[in-house]
Amino acid sequence: MFGGSKKFNLKALDLKLEDKIMMEVIYYKLFGTSIITNNDMPKWIVHGYIAHTKGHLINWAKAAEST
């Protein structure tokens, strides 16, 4: 789905606005900034967000610490 990249471009045409906003909120909570360089979201945040929307509980502090 994501290929071999480590980043996911938030300008993807099929990305829903509410999903983009929620990933930006997660990014802000983790890194303390709302400026996402080149609109590239770390892939582990995207994977975590997908798992979270499917009902899995995510401990974002541990996820950020483990990267």
Protein backbone atom coordinates (compact mmCIF):
# COMPACT_ATOMS: atom_id res chain seq x y z
CA MET A 1 0.00 0.00 0.00
CA PHE A 2 2.75 2.48 0.91
CA GLY A 3 5.58 0.99 -1.12
CA GLY A 4 9.07 1.26 0.26
CA SER A 5 8.78 4.85 1.44
CA LYS A 6 8.98 5.98 5.04
CA LYS A 7 6.72 8.98 4.44
CA PHE A 8 3.14 9.43 3.27
CA ASN A 9 2.25 12.53 1.27
CA LEU A 10 -0.77 14.28 2.77
CA LYS A 11 -1.66 15.75 -0.61
CA ALA A 12 -2.95 12.35 -1.79
CA LEU A 13 -6.08 12.93 -3.83
CA ASP A 14 -8.10 10.11 -2.29
CA LEU A 15 -7.40 11.11 1.33
CA LYS A 16 -10.53 12.28 3.15
CA LEU A 17 -10.30 15.71 4.75
CA GLU A 18 -11.28 14.43 8.21
CA ASP A 19 -8.54 11.76 8.03
CA LYS A 20 -5.95 14.36 7.06
CA ILE A 21 -7.03 16.63 9.91
CA MET A 22 -6.90 13.79 12.47
CA MET A 23 -3.39 12.77 11.37
CA GLU A 24 -2.31 16.42 11.64
CA VAL A 25 -3.74 16.52 15.19
CA ILE A 26 -1.79 13.37 16.10
CA TYR A 27 1.37 14.88 14.57
CA TYR A 28 0.88 18.06 16.61
CA LYS A 29 0.32 16.13 19.85
CA LEU A 30 3.46 14.07 19.27
CA PHE A 31 5.88 16.68 17.96
CA GLY A 32 4.44 19.95 19.30
CA THR A 33 4.28 21.62 15.90
CA SER A 34 1.64 21.82 13.22
CA ILE A 35 4.16 22.40 10.44
CA ILE A 36 4.57 19.15 8.52
CA THR A 37 7.66 19.31 6.32
CA ASN A 38 6.79 18.91 2.62
CA ASN A 39 3.38 17.50 3.63
CA ASP A 40 5.18 14.22 4.43
CA MET A 41 3.61 12.35 7.35
CA PRO A 42 5.75 9.61 8.92
CA LYS A 43 4.41 6.26 7.76
CA TRP A 44 4.15 4.87 11.31
CA ILE A 45 1.61 7.60 12.16
CA VAL A 46 -0.48 6.64 9.12
CA HIS A 47 -0.33 2.94 10.07
CA GLY A 48 -1.28 3.78 13.66
CA TYR A 49 -4.15 5.97 12.53
CA ILE A 50 -5.52 3.20 10.30
CA ALA A 51 -5.28 0.70 13.17
CA HIS A 52 -6.97 3.20 15.50
CA THR A 53 -9.88 3.73 13.09
CA LYS A 54 -10.34 -0.05 12.97
CA GLY A 55 -10.82 -0.11 16.75
CA HIS A 56 -7.34 -1.01 18.02
CA LEU A 57 -6.11 1.02 20.98
CA ILE A 58 -2.89 2.89 20.25
CA ASN A 59 -0.55 4.25 22.91
CA TRP A 60 0.87 7.15 20.90
CA ALA A 61 3.47 8.02 23.54
CA LYS A 62 4.99 4.53 23.31
CA ALA A 63 4.74 4.59 19.51
CA ALA A 64 6.63 7.89 19.34
CA GLU A 65 9.20 6.71 21.87
CA SER A 66 9.91 3.51 19.94
CA THR A 67 10.77 5.34 16.71
